[in-house]
PDB file of N, CA and C in Angstrom:
ATOM      1  N   MET A   1     124.688 -45.139-227.183  1.00  0.00           N
ATOM      2  CA  MET A   1     124.253 -44.723-225.817  1.00  0.00           C
ATOM      3  C   MET A   1     123.117 -46.124-225.025  1.00  0.00           C
ATOM      4  N   ARG A   2     123.023 -46.368-223.843  1.00  0.00           N
ATOM      5  CA  ARG A   2     123.262 -47.368-223.573  1.00  0.00           C
ATOM      6  C   ARG A   2     121.968 -46.782-222.012  1.00  0.00           C
ATOM      7  N   HIS A   3     120.973 -46.457-222.352  1.00  0.00           N
ATOM      8  CA  HIS A   3     120.556 -45.658-221.404  1.00  0.00           C
ATOM      9  C   HIS A   3     119.525 -46.700-221.023  1.00  0.00           C
ATOM     10  N   ARG A   4     118.940 -47.046-220.164  1.00  0.00           N
ATOM     11  CA  ARG A   4     116.766 -47.809-219.684  1.00  0.00           C
ATOM     12  C   ARG A   4     117.712 -49.512-219.939  1.00  0.00           C
ATOM     13  N   LYS A   5     118.978 -49.608-220.066  1.00  0.00           N
ATOM     14  CA  LYS A   5     119.097 -51.057-220.723  1.00  0.00           C
ATOM     15  C   LYS A   5     119.729 -52.156-219.016  1.00  0.00           C
ATOM     16  N   ALA A   6     119.639 -52.495-218.221  1.00  0.00           N
ATOM     17  CA  ALA A   6     119.163 -53.752-217.224  1.00  0.00           C
ATOM     18  C   ALA A   6     119.891 -54.641-217.381  1.00  0.00           C
ATOM     19  N   GLY A   7     120.707 -55.263-217.051  1.00  0.00           N
ATOM     20  CA  GLY A   7     121.429 -56.407-216.998  1.00  0.00           C
ATOM     21  C   GLY A   7     122.350 -56.822-218.073  1.00  0.00           C
ATOM     22  N   LYS A   8     123.175 -57.678-217.937  1.00  0.00           N
ATOM     23  CA  LYS A   8     124.521 -58.670-218.429  1.00  0.00           C
ATOM     24  C   LYS A   8     123.454 -59.243-219.872  1.00  0.00           C
ATOM     25  N   LYS A   9     124.087 -59.582-220.601  1.00  0.00           N
ATOM     26  CA  LYS A   9     124.000 -59.759-221.760  1.00  0.00           C
ATOM     27  C   LYS A   9     124.328 -61.419-222.009  1.00  0.00           C
ATOM     28  N   LEU A  10     125.912 -61.562-221.005  1.00  0.00           N
ATOM     29  CA  LEU A  10     126.287 -63.014-220.826  1.00  0.00           C
ATOM     30  C   LEU A  10     126.270 -63.346-222.924  1.00  0.00           C
ATOM     31  N   SER A  11     126.772 -62.988-223.275  1.00  0.00           N
ATOM     32  CA  SER A  11     127.317 -62.865-224.539  1.00  0.00           C
ATOM     33  C   SER A  11     126.409 -64.462-225.803  1.00  0.00           C
ATOM     34  N   ARG A  12     125.638 -63.565-225.596  1.00  0.00           N
ATOM     35  CA  ARG A  12     124.068 -64.855-225.548  1.00  0.00           C
ATOM     36  C   ARG A  12     123.076 -63.588-225.928  1.00  0.00           C
ATOM     37  N   ASN A  13     122.160 -64.231-226.831  1.00  0.00           N
ATOM     38  CA  ASN A  13     120.939 -63.973-227.011  1.00  0.00           C
ATOM     39  C   ASN A  13     119.169 -63.663-226.154  1.00  0.00           C
ATOM     40  N   ALA A  14     118.862 -63.044-226.496  1.00  0.00           N
ATOM     41  CA  ALA A  14     117.216 -62.850-225.048  1.00  0.00           C
ATOM     42  C   ALA A  14     117.150 -64.267-225.140  1.00  0.00           C
ATOM     43  N   SER A  15     116.852 -65.260-226.126  1.00  0.00           N
ATOM     44  CA  SER A  15     115.924 -66.781-225.131  1.00  0.00           C
ATOM     45  C   SER A  15     116.730 -66.900-224.848  1.00  0.00           C
ATOM     46  N   HIS A  16     118.624 -67.283-225.046  1.00  0.00           N
ATOM     47  CA  HIS A  16     119.523 -68.091-224.652  1.00  0.00           C
ATOM     48  C   HIS A  16     119.415 -67.809-223.136  1.00  0.00           C
ATOM     49  N   ARG A  17     119.744 -66.595-222.772  1.00  0.00           N
ATOM     50  CA  ARG A  17     120.109 -65.348-221.961  1.00  0.00           C
ATOM     51  C   ARG A  17     119.095 -66.276-220.842  1.00  0.00           C
ATOM     52  N   ARG A  18     117.859 -65.844-221.565  1.00  0.00           N
ATOM     53  CA  ARG A  18     116.617 -65.947-220.898  1.00  0.00           C
ATOM     54  C   ARG A  18     116.748 -67.776-219.646  1.00  0.00           C
ATOM     55  N   ALA A  19     116.657 -68.582-220.920  1.00  0.00           N
ATOM     56  CA  ALA A  19     116.458 -70.157-220.693  1.00  0.00           C
ATOM     57  C   ALA A  19     118.240 -70.535-219.742  1.00  0.00           C
ATOM     58  N   LEU A  20     118.996 -69.693-219.781  1.00  0.00           N
ATOM     59  CA  LEU A  20     120.600 -69.979-218.703  1.00  0.00           C
ATOM     60  C   LEU A  20     119.747 -69.651-217.526  1.00  0.00           C
ATOM     61  N   LEU A  21     119.021 -68.094-217.341  1.00  0.00           N
ATOM     62  CA  LEU A  21     118.891 -67.940-215.508  1.00  0.00           C
ATOM     63  C   LEU A  21     118.006 -68.833-215.041  1.00  0.00           C
ATOM     64  N   ARG A  22     116.881 -68.715-215.669  1.00  0.00           N
ATOM     65  CA  ARG A  22     116.224 -70.171-215.853  1.00  0.00           C
ATOM     66  C   ARG A  22     116.492 -71.625-215.178  1.00  0.00           C
ATOM     67  N   ASN A  23     117.579 -71.905-216.117  1.00  0.00           N
ATOM     68  CA  ASN A  23     118.247 -72.978-215.237  1.00  0.00           C
ATOM     69  C   ASN A  23     118.792 -72.713-214.070  1.00  0.00           C
ATOM     70  N   LEU A  24     119.659 -71.649-213.367  1.00  0.00           N
ATOM     71  CA  LEU A  24     120.129 -71.417-212.962  1.00  0.00           C
ATOM     72  C   LEU A  24     119.905 -71.270-211.425  1.00  0.00           C
ATOM     73  N   VAL A  25     118.320 -70.362-212.087  1.00  0.00           N
ATOM     74  CA  VAL A  25     117.674 -69.744-210.685  1.00  0.00           C
ATOM     75  C   VAL A  25     117.270 -71.730-210.439  1.00  0.00           C
ATOM     76  N   THR A  26     116.919 -72.443-210.708  1.00  0.00           N
ATOM     77  CA  THR A  26     116.005 -73.572-210.773  1.00  0.00           C
ATOM     78  C   THR A  26     116.667 -74.495-209.474  1.00  0.00           C
ATOM     79  N   GLU A  27     118.106 -74.062-210.095  1.00  0.00           N
ATOM     80  CA  GLU A  27     119.317 -74.932-209.509  1.00  0.00           C
ATOM     81  C   GLU A  27     119.436 -74.506-208.365  1.00  0.00           C
ATOM     82  N   LEU A  28     119.591 -73.715-208.383  1.00  0.00           N
ATOM     83  CA  LEU A  28     120.150 -72.553-206.517  1.00  0.00           C
ATOM     84  C   LEU A  28     118.795 -73.237-206.298  1.00  0.00           C
ATOM     85  N   LEU A  29     118.001 -72.728-205.772  1.00  0.00           N
ATOM     86  CA  LEU A  29     116.569 -72.971-205.201  1.00  0.00           C
ATOM     87  C   LEU A  29     115.987 -74.299-204.800  1.00  0.00           C
ATOM     88  N   ARG A  30     116.935 -76.017-205.748  1.00  0.00           N
ATOM     89  CA  ARG A  30     116.298 -76.613-205.642  1.00  0.00           C
ATOM     90  C   ARG A  30     118.160 -77.364-204.283  1.00  0.00           C
ATOM     91  N   HIS A  31     119.053 -77.185-204.825  1.00  0.00           N
ATOM     92  CA  HIS A  31     119.891 -77.039-203.819  1.00  0.00           C
ATOM     93  C   HIS A  31     121.044 -75.959-202.715  1.00  0.00           C
ATOM     94  N   GLY A  32     120.744 -74.911-203.119  1.00  0.00           N
ATOM     95  CA  GLY A  32     120.889 -74.290-202.250  1.00  0.00           C
ATOM     96  C   GLY A  32     122.244 -73.862-201.893  1.00  0.00           C
ATOM     97  N   ARG A  33     123.226 -73.696-203.309  1.00  0.00           N
ATOM     98  CA  ARG A  33     124.414 -73.677-203.750  1.00  0.00           C
ATOM     99  C   ARG A  33     124.548 -74.524-204.660  1.00  0.00           C
ATOM    100  N   ILE A  34     125.085 -73.525-205.422  1.00  0.00           N
ATOM    101  CA  ILE A  34     125.625 -73.783-206.685  1.00  0.00           C
ATOM    102  C   ILE A  34     126.762 -72.584-207.047  1.00  0.00           C
ATOM    103  N   LYS A  35     127.973 -73.419-208.094  1.00  0.00           N
ATOM    104  CA  LYS A  35     128.817 -73.319-208.483  1.00  0.00           C
ATOM    105  C   LYS A  35     128.817 -72.410-210.414  1.00  0.00           C
ATOM    106  N   THR A  36     129.285 -71.685-210.584  1.00  0.00           N
ATOM    107  CA  THR A  36     129.748 -71.123-211.436  1.00  0.00           C
ATOM    108  C   THR A  36     130.361 -69.843-211.764  1.00  0.00           C
ATOM    109  N   THR A  37     129.998 -69.516-213.067  1.00  0.00           N
ATOM    110  CA  THR A  37     131.066 -67.954-212.908  1.00  0.00           C
ATOM    111  C   THR A  37     130.226 -66.621-212.513  1.00  0.00           C
ATOM    112  N   LEU A  38     132.038 -65.883-212.095  1.00  0.00           N
ATOM    113  CA  LEU A  38     131.053 -64.573-211.704  1.00  0.00           C
ATOM    114  C   LEU A  38     129.947 -64.171-212.115  1.00  0.00           C
ATOM    115  N   ALA A  39     130.163 -63.635-213.354  1.00  0.00           N
ATOM    116  CA  ALA A  39     129.303 -62.835-213.855  1.00  0.00           C
ATOM    117  C   ALA A  39     127.586 -63.768-214.222  1.00  0.00           C
ATOM    118  N   LYS A  40     127.784 -64.844-214.033  1.00  0.00           N
ATOM    119  CA  LYS A  40     126.463 -65.602-214.204  1.00  0.00           C
ATOM    120  C   LYS A  40     126.340 -65.761-213.471  1.00  0.00           C
ATOM    121  N   ALA A  41     126.446 -65.857-211.864  1.00  0.00           N
ATOM    122  CA  ALA A  41     126.540 -64.936-210.416  1.00  0.00           C
ATOM    123  C   ALA A  41     125.624 -64.221-210.116  1.00  0.00           C
ATOM    124  N   LYS A  42     126.570 -63.398-210.394  1.00  0.00           N
ATOM    125  CA  LYS A  42     125.442 -61.491-210.452  1.00  0.00           C
ATOM    126  C   LYS A  42     124.302 -61.270-210.653  1.00  0.00           C
ATOM    127  N   ALA A  43     124.820 -61.663-212.781  1.00  0.00           N
ATOM    128  CA  ALA A  43     123.361 -61.593-213.252  1.00  0.00           C
ATOM    129  C   ALA A  43     121.877 -62.555-212.654  1.00  0.00           C
ATOM    130  N   MET A  44     122.433 -63.469-212.121  1.00  0.00           N
ATOM    131  CA  MET A  44     121.271 -64.806-211.865  1.00  0.00           C
ATOM    132  C   MET A  44     120.617 -63.989-210.356  1.00  0.00           C
ATOM    133  N   GLN A  45     121.852 -63.476-209.333  1.00  0.00           N
ATOM    134  CA  GLN A  45     120.846 -63.106-208.038  1.00  0.00           C
ATOM    135  C   GLN A  45     120.114 -62.221-208.090  1.00  0.00           C
ATOM    136  N   SER A  46     120.379 -61.330-208.928  1.00  0.00           N
ATOM    137  CA  SER A  46     119.011 -60.690-208.752  1.00  0.00           C
ATOM    138  C   SER A  46     117.267 -60.956-208.811  1.00  0.00           C
ATOM    139  N   VAL A  47     117.634 -61.853-210.579  1.00  0.00           N
ATOM    140  CA  VAL A  47     115.909 -62.967-210.312  1.00  0.00           C
ATOM    141  C   VAL A  47     116.003 -63.209-209.461  1.00  0.00           C
ATOM    142  N   ALA A  48     117.016 -64.968-208.872  1.00  0.00           N
ATOM    143  CA  ALA A  48     116.799 -65.648-208.481  1.00  0.00           C
ATOM    144  C   ALA A  48     116.255 -64.950-206.238  1.00  0.00           C
ATOM    145  N   GLU A  49     116.512 -63.618-206.363  1.00  0.00           N
ATOM    146  CA  GLU A  49     115.992 -62.858-205.088  1.00  0.00           C
ATOM    147  C   GLU A  49     114.585 -62.385-205.632  1.00  0.00           C
ATOM    148  N   LYS A  50     114.133 -62.451-206.395  1.00  0.00           N
ATOM    149  CA  LYS A  50     112.578 -62.059-207.183  1.00  0.00           C
ATOM    150  C   LYS A  50     111.760 -62.911-206.929  1.00  0.00           C
ATOM    151  N   MET A  51     112.831 -63.740-207.063  1.00  0.00           N
ATOM    152  CA  MET A  51     111.807 -64.988-207.662  1.00  0.00           C
ATOM    153  C   MET A  51     110.844 -65.647-205.693  1.00  0.00           C
ATOM    154  N   ILE A  52     112.305 -65.837-204.817  1.00  0.00           N
ATOM    155  CA  ILE A  52     112.100 -65.136-203.088  1.00  0.00           C
ATOM    156  C   ILE A  52     110.841 -64.352-202.717  1.00  0.00           C
ATOM    157  N   THR A  53     110.883 -63.236-203.325  1.00  0.00           N
ATOM    158  CA  THR A  53     109.903 -62.216-202.813  1.00  0.00           C
ATOM    159  C   THR A  53     108.541 -62.332-203.495  1.00  0.00           C
ATOM    160  N   LEU A  54     108.705 -62.716-204.891  1.00  0.00           N
ATOM    161  CA  LEU A  54     107.378 -63.828-205.057  1.00  0.00           C
ATOM    162  C   LEU A  54     106.773 -64.854-204.088  1.00  0.00           C
ATOM    163  N   GLY A  55     108.238 -65.295-203.799  1.00  0.00           N
ATOM    164  CA  GLY A  55     107.200 -66.884-203.176  1.00  0.00           C
ATOM    165  C   GLY A  55     106.907 -66.312-201.314  1.00  0.00           C
ATOM    166  N   LYS A  56     107.292 -64.822-200.596  1.00  0.00           N
ATOM    167  CA  LYS A  56     107.346 -64.907-199.918  1.00  0.00           C
ATOM    168  C   LYS A  56     105.372 -63.599-199.691  1.00  0.00           C
ATOM    169  N   ARG A  57     105.471 -63.252-201.108  1.00  0.00           N
ATOM    170  CA  ARG A  57     103.692 -62.839-201.360  1.00  0.00           C
ATOM    171  C   ARG A  57     103.073 -63.695-201.355  1.00  0.00           C
ATOM    172  N   GLY A  58     103.438 -64.757-201.481  1.00  0.00           N
ATOM    173  CA  GLY A  58     102.224 -66.156-201.441  1.00  0.00           C
ATOM    174  C   GLY A  58     101.129 -66.536-201.736  1.00  0.00           C
ATOM    175  N   ASP A  59     100.480 -64.644-202.973  1.00  0.00           N
ATOM    176  CA  ASP A  59      99.153 -64.871-203.275  1.00  0.00           C
ATOM    177  C   ASP A  59      99.394 -66.132-204.676  1.00  0.00           C
ATOM    178  N   LEU A  60      98.079 -66.328-205.418  1.00  0.00           N
ATOM    179  CA  LEU A  60      97.767 -67.133-206.601  1.00  0.00           C
ATOM    180  C   LEU A  60      98.765 -66.428-207.411  1.00  0.00           C
ATOM    181  N   HIS A  61      98.494 -65.057-208.243  1.00  0.00           N
ATOM    182  CA  HIS A  61      98.740 -64.346-208.556  1.00  0.00           C
ATOM    183  C   HIS A  61     101.000 -64.223-209.020  1.00  0.00           C
ATOM    184  N   ALA A  62     101.346 -64.379-207.563  1.00  0.00           N
ATOM    185  CA  ALA A  62     102.611 -64.401-207.935  1.00  0.00           C
ATOM    186  C   ALA A  62     102.684 -65.724-208.107  1.00  0.00           C
ATOM    187  N   ARG A  63     102.337 -66.936-207.750  1.00  0.00           N
ATOM    188  CA  ARG A  63     102.974 -68.071-208.080  1.00  0.00           C
ATOM    189  C   ARG A  63     102.832 -68.598-209.264  1.00  0.00           C
ATOM    190  N   ARG A  64     101.990 -68.142-209.930  1.00  0.00           N
ATOM    191  CA  ARG A  64     101.376 -68.532-211.053  1.00  0.00           C
ATOM    192  C   ARG A  64     102.864 -67.167-211.892  1.00  0.00           C
ATOM    193  N   GLN A  65     102.941 -66.293-211.604  1.00  0.00           N
ATOM    194  CA  GLN A  65     105.149 -65.499-211.653  1.00  0.00           C
ATOM    195  C   GLN A  65     105.768 -66.681-211.586  1.00  0.00           C
ATOM    196  N   ALA A  66     105.609 -67.423-210.528  1.00  0.00           N
ATOM    197  CA  ALA A  66     106.941 -68.673-210.547  1.00  0.00           C
ATOM    198  C   ALA A  66     107.321 -69.584-211.276  1.00  0.00           C
ATOM    199  N   LEU A  67     105.516 -70.019-211.638  1.00  0.00           N
ATOM    200  CA  LEU A  67     105.563 -70.185-211.896  1.00  0.00           C
ATOM    201  C   LEU A  67     106.295 -70.375-213.819  1.00  0.00           C
ATOM    202  N   SER A  68     105.873 -69.883-214.176  1.00  0.00           N
ATOM    203  CA  SER A  68     106.019 -68.960-216.085  1.00  0.00           C
ATOM    204  C   SER A  68     107.463 -68.854-216.387  1.00  0.00           C
ATOM    205  N   PHE A  69     108.432 -69.074-215.071  1.00  0.00           N
ATOM    206  CA  PHE A  69     110.222 -68.795-215.123  1.00  0.00           C
ATOM    207  C   PHE A  69     110.906 -69.884-214.028  1.00  0.00           C
ATOM    208  N   ILE A  70     110.601 -70.592-213.158  1.00  0.00           N
ATOM    209  CA  ILE A  70     110.861 -71.927-212.531  1.00  0.00           C
ATOM    210  C   ILE A  70     110.595 -73.167-213.311  1.00  0.00           C
ATOM    211  N   GLN A  71     111.293 -73.969-213.437  1.00  0.00           N
ATOM    212  CA  GLN A  71     111.355 -74.522-214.182  1.00  0.00           C
ATOM    213  C   GLN A  71     110.803 -76.284-213.978  1.00  0.00           C
ATOM    214  N   SER A  72     110.273 -76.591-212.572  1.00  0.00           N
ATOM    215  CA  SER A  72     109.467 -77.587-211.727  1.00  0.00           C
ATOM    216  C   SER A  72     108.481 -76.970-211.101  1.00  0.00           C
ATOM    217  N   LYS A  73     107.753 -77.653-210.955  1.00  0.00           N
ATOM    218  CA  LYS A  73     106.387 -77.637-210.381  1.00  0.00           C
ATOM    219  C   LYS A  73     106.556 -77.363-208.672  1.00  0.00           C
ATOM    220  N   ASP A  74     107.296 -78.725-208.691  1.00  0.00           N
ATOM    221  CA  ASP A  74     107.784 -78.854-207.351  1.00  0.00           C
ATOM    222  C   ASP A  74     108.579 -77.771-206.695  1.00  0.00           C
ATOM    223  N   MET A  75     109.768 -77.501-207.385  1.00  0.00           N
ATOM    224  CA  MET A  75     110.453 -76.429-207.157  1.00  0.00           C
ATOM    225  C   MET A  75     109.808 -75.352-206.640  1.00  0.00           C
ATOM    226  N   VAL A  76     109.114 -74.838-207.094  1.00  0.00           N
ATOM    227  CA  VAL A  76     108.048 -74.013-207.062  1.00  0.00           C
ATOM    228  C   VAL A  76     107.439 -74.020-205.036  1.00  0.00           C
ATOM    229  N   HIS A  77     106.586 -75.059-205.490  1.00  0.00           N
ATOM    230  CA  HIS A  77     105.932 -75.631-204.391  1.00  0.00           C
ATOM    231  C   HIS A  77     106.872 -75.497-202.985  1.00  0.00           C
ATOM    232  N   GLU A  78     108.001 -76.011-203.689  1.00  0.00           N
ATOM    233  CA  GLU A  78     108.877 -76.040-202.549  1.00  0.00           C
ATOM    234  C   GLU A  78     109.145 -74.522-201.815  1.00  0.00           C
ATOM    235  N   LEU A  79     109.828 -73.199-203.421  1.00  0.00           N
ATOM    236  CA  LEU A  79     109.529 -72.051-202.719  1.00  0.00           C
ATOM    237  C   LEU A  79     108.764 -71.585-202.167  1.00  0.00           C
ATOM    238  N   PHE A  80     107.085 -72.097-202.174  1.00  0.00           N
ATOM    239  CA  PHE A  80     106.255 -70.913-201.624  1.00  0.00           C
ATOM    240  C   PHE A  80     106.249 -71.831-200.275  1.00  0.00           C
ATOM    241  N   ASP A  81     106.395 -72.350-199.703  1.00  0.00           N
ATOM    242  CA  ASP A  81     105.929 -73.615-198.907  1.00  0.00           C
ATOM    243  C   ASP A  81     107.350 -73.122-197.474  1.00  0.00           C
ATOM    244  N   THR A  82     108.142 -73.814-198.437  1.00  0.00           N
ATOM    245  CA  THR A  82     109.394 -73.477-197.110  1.00  0.00           C
ATOM    246  C   THR A  82     110.445 -72.464-197.631  1.00  0.00           C
ATOM    247  N   ILE A  83     111.346 -72.120-198.613  1.00  0.00           N
ATOM    248  CA  ILE A  83     112.029 -70.764-198.898  1.00  0.00           C
ATOM    249  C   ILE A  83     111.462 -69.502-198.441  1.00  0.00           C
ATOM    250  N   ALA A  84     110.259 -69.327-198.694  1.00  0.00           N
ATOM    251  CA  ALA A  84     109.540 -68.284-198.252  1.00  0.00           C
ATOM    252  C   ALA A  84     109.414 -67.846-196.382  1.00  0.00           C
ATOM    253  N   ALA A  85     108.868 -69.573-196.628  1.00  0.00           N
ATOM    254  CA  ALA A  85     108.657 -68.968-194.830  1.00  0.00           C
ATOM    255  C   ALA A  85     110.642 -69.250-193.979  1.00  0.00           C
ATOM    256  N   ARG A  86     111.551 -69.889-195.011  1.00  0.00           N
ATOM    257  CA  ARG A  86     112.636 -69.204-193.730  1.00  0.00           C
ATOM    258  C   ARG A  86     113.001 -68.062-194.269  1.00  0.00           C
ATOM    259  N   TYR A  87     112.953 -66.550-195.360  1.00  0.00           N
ATOM    260  CA  TYR A  87     112.777 -65.241-195.200  1.00  0.00           C
ATOM    261  C   TYR A  87     111.680 -65.037-194.665  1.00  0.00           C
ATOM    262  N   ALA A  88     110.496 -65.284-194.473  1.00  0.00           N
ATOM    263  CA  ALA A  88     109.734 -64.358-193.791  1.00  0.00           C
ATOM    264  C   ALA A  88     110.445 -63.191-192.899  1.00  0.00           C
ATOM    265  N   ASP A  89     111.568 -62.953-192.158  1.00  0.00           N
ATOM    266  CA  ASP A  89     111.464 -61.451-191.598  1.00  0.00           C
ATOM    267  C   ASP A  89     112.562 -61.025-192.222  1.00  0.00           C
ATOM    268  N   ARG A  90     112.813 -61.293-193.187  1.00  0.00           N
ATOM    269  CA  ARG A  90     114.296 -60.842-193.755  1.00  0.00           C
ATOM    270  C   ARG A  90     113.669 -60.065-195.282  1.00  0.00           C
ATOM    271  N   HIS A  91     114.286 -58.381-195.241  1.00  0.00           N
ATOM    272  CA  HIS A  91     114.147 -57.796-195.979  1.00  0.00           C
ATOM    273  C   HIS A  91     115.179 -57.783-197.318  1.00  0.00           C
ATOM    274  N   GLY A  92     114.868 -58.057-198.334  1.00  0.00           N
ATOM    275  CA  GLY A  92     116.021 -58.135-199.074  1.00  0.00           C
ATOM    276  C   GLY A  92     117.387 -59.698-198.782  1.00  0.00           C
ATOM    277  N   GLY A  93     118.251 -59.098-199.192  1.00  0.00           N
ATOM    278  CA  GLY A  93     119.087 -60.136-199.178  1.00  0.00           C
ATOM    279  C   GLY A  93     119.398 -61.707-198.858  1.00  0.00           C
ATOM    280  N   TYR A  94     118.333 -62.565-200.356  1.00  0.00           N
ATOM    281  CA  TYR A  94     118.914 -63.389-199.811  1.00  0.00           C
ATOM    282  C   TYR A  94     120.161 -64.871-200.143  1.00  0.00           C
ATOM    283  N   THR A  95     120.333 -64.553-200.896  1.00  0.00           N
ATOM    284  CA  THR A  95     121.461 -64.749-201.579  1.00  0.00           C
ATOM    285  C   THR A  95     122.617 -64.426-201.593  1.00  0.00           C
ATOM    286  N   ARG A  96     124.269 -64.969-201.802  1.00  0.00           N
ATOM    287  CA  ARG A  96     125.151 -63.921-200.938  1.00  0.00           C
ATOM    288  C   ARG A  96     126.644 -64.730-202.323  1.00  0.00           C
ATOM    289  N   VAL A  97     127.338 -63.822-203.193  1.00  0.00           N
ATOM    290  CA  VAL A  97     128.018 -64.693-204.309  1.00  0.00           C
ATOM    291  C   VAL A  97     129.817 -64.717-203.540  1.00  0.00           C
ATOM    292  N   LEU A  98     130.086 -65.739-203.483  1.00  0.00           N
ATOM    293  CA  LEU A  98     131.247 -65.866-202.543  1.00  0.00           C
ATOM    294  C   LEU A  98     132.366 -65.790-203.923  1.00  0.00           C
ATOM    295  N   LYS A  99     133.582 -65.439-203.921  1.00  0.00           N
ATOM    296  CA  LYS A  99     134.296 -65.385-205.541  1.00  0.00           C
ATOM    297  C   LYS A  99     135.510 -66.533-204.824  1.00  0.00           C
ATOM    298  N   LEU A 100     135.988 -67.372-205.631  1.00  0.00           N
ATOM    299  CA  LEU A 100     136.764 -68.693-205.732  1.00  0.00           C
ATOM    300  C   LEU A 100     137.812 -68.542-206.052  1.00  0.00           C
ATOM    301  N   GLY A 101     138.771 -67.727-207.423  1.00  0.00           N
ATOM    302  CA  GLY A 101     139.393 -67.659-207.845  1.00  0.00           C
ATOM    303  C   GLY A 101     139.267 -67.648-209.499  1.00  0.00           C
ATOM    304  N   GLN A 102     140.628 -68.303-210.149  1.00  0.00           N
ATOM    305  CA  GLN A 102     139.310 -68.220-211.510  1.00  0.00           C
ATOM    306  C   GLN A 102     140.108 -69.207-211.596  1.00  0.00           C
ATOM    307  N   ARG A 103     139.423 -70.389-212.650  1.00  0.00           N
ATOM    308  CA  ARG A 103     139.595 -71.639-213.914  1.00  0.00           C
ATOM    309  C   ARG A 103     140.748 -71.549-214.446  1.00  0.00           C
ATOM    310  N   GLN A 104     140.670 -73.114-213.650  1.00  0.00           N
ATOM    311  CA  GLN A 104     142.447 -73.409-214.822  1.00  0.00           C
ATOM    312  C   GLN A 104     142.453 -73.735-216.372  1.00  0.00           C
ATOM    313  N   GLY A 105     141.112 -73.823-216.453  1.00  0.00           N
ATOM    314  CA  GLY A 105     141.220 -73.836-217.998  1.00  0.00           C
ATOM    315  C   GLY A 105     141.057 -72.569-218.918  1.00  0.00           C
ATOM    316  N   ASP A 106     140.611 -71.701-218.588  1.00  0.00           N
ATOM    317  CA  ASP A 106     140.646 -70.630-218.911  1.00  0.00           C
ATOM    318  C   ASP A 106     140.237 -69.003-218.649  1.00  0.00           C
ATOM    319  N   ALA A 107     140.877 -69.680-217.332  1.00  0.00           N
ATOM    320  CA  ALA A 107     140.674 -68.230-216.728  1.00  0.00           C
ATOM    321  C   ALA A 107     139.972 -67.706-216.137  1.00  0.00           C
ATOM    322  N   ALA A 108     138.595 -68.423-216.115  1.00  0.00           N
ATOM    323  CA  ALA A 108     137.121 -67.592-215.993  1.00  0.00           C
ATOM    324  C   ALA A 108     136.991 -67.314-214.372  1.00  0.00           C
ATOM    325  N   HIS A 109     136.661 -66.246-213.934  1.00  0.00           N
ATOM    326  CA  HIS A 109     136.748 -66.392-212.374  1.00  0.00           C
ATOM    327  C   HIS A 109     135.390 -66.769-212.131  1.00  0.00           C
ATOM    328  N   ILE A 110     135.613 -67.650-210.525  1.00  0.00           N
ATOM    329  CA  ILE A 110     134.399 -68.229-210.709  1.00  0.00           C
ATOM    330  C   ILE A 110     134.186 -67.645-208.889  1.00  0.00           C
ATOM    331  N   ALA A 111     132.898 -68.169-209.106  1.00  0.00           N
ATOM    332  CA  ALA A 111     132.457 -68.022-207.861  1.00  0.00           C
ATOM    333  C   ALA A 111     131.020 -68.977-207.445  1.00  0.00           C
ATOM    334  N   ILE A 112     131.402 -68.712-205.621  1.00  0.00           N
ATOM    335  CA  ILE A 112     130.076 -69.866-205.256  1.00  0.00           C
ATOM    336  C   ILE A 112     128.738 -69.130-205.136  1.00  0.00           C
ATOM    337  N   ILE A 113     127.290 -69.242-205.364  1.00  0.00           N
ATOM    338  CA  ILE A 113     126.249 -68.323-204.859  1.00  0.00           C
ATOM    339  C   ILE A 113     125.761 -68.878-204.418  1.00  0.00           C
ATOM    340  N   GLU A 114     124.937 -69.218-203.032  1.00  0.00           N
ATOM    341  CA  GLU A 114     124.322 -69.640-202.311  1.00  0.00           C
ATOM    342  C   GLU A 114     123.022 -69.183-201.376  1.00  0.00           C
ATOM    343  N   LEU A 115     122.078 -69.765-201.340  1.00  0.00           N
ATOM    344  CA  LEU A 115     121.449 -69.072-200.302  1.00  0.00           C
ATOM    345  C   LEU A 115     121.519 -68.350-199.005  1.00  0.00           C
ATOM    346  N   VAL A 116     121.018 -67.668-198.478  1.00  0.00           N
ATOM    347  CA  VAL A 116     121.795 -66.382-196.769  1.00  0.00           C
ATOM    348  C   VAL A 116     120.674 -68.345-195.903  1.00  0.00           C
ATOM    349  N   GLU A 117     121.514 -67.893-194.764  1.00  0.00           N
ATOM    350  CA  GLU A 117     120.558 -69.541-193.824  1.00  0.00           C
ATOM    351  C   GLU A 117     120.084 -68.211-193.117  1.00  0.00           C
ATOM    352  N   GLU A 118     118.938 -68.432-192.806  1.00  0.00           N
ATOM    353  CA  GLU A 118     118.708 -67.053-191.318  1.00  0.00           C
ATOM    354  C   GLU A 118     119.001 -67.903-190.110  1.00  0.00           C
ATOM    355  N   LYS A 119     119.649 -67.188-189.117  1.00  0.00           N
ATOM    356  CA  LYS A 119     120.045 -68.052-187.484  1.00  0.00           C
ATOM    357  C   LYS A 119     119.351 -67.264-186.750  1.00  0.00           C
TER     358      LYS A 119
END
C-alpha cells in the first residue's frame, strides 16, 4: 500500500530527487520560466509555490527555511523582496505548467513551467 506517500519518485533516490528539485526551483525563480519534462514540472510546482508562500510570510524563520532549500542567497533576497511583493494579493496559483508535446529523441513529454504574471 502507498498510503501517506506524497510526491513522485522520478526514478531517483531521495537525495538526488531533493537536489534536482532544489536546482529546478532556484532556476525557475532566477529566470521566471524553464523548460523541462512534464513529470519534473509537476513535481516541482508544489515546491515552488511553497517557496513563494514563504517569501510572502516574510519573517526571519521563513527566510531561513527558504535559505535551507534554495541554492543561492541572492535568489532568496530576490524572492523575499520582489517576487513575494508581486504576489501579495494572490492566494496560491503562482505557477503555470504548459505542455509542449514530445521530445524528438526519447519521446518524453516536455513542458514549460513559468511564474504567473500579475496583471
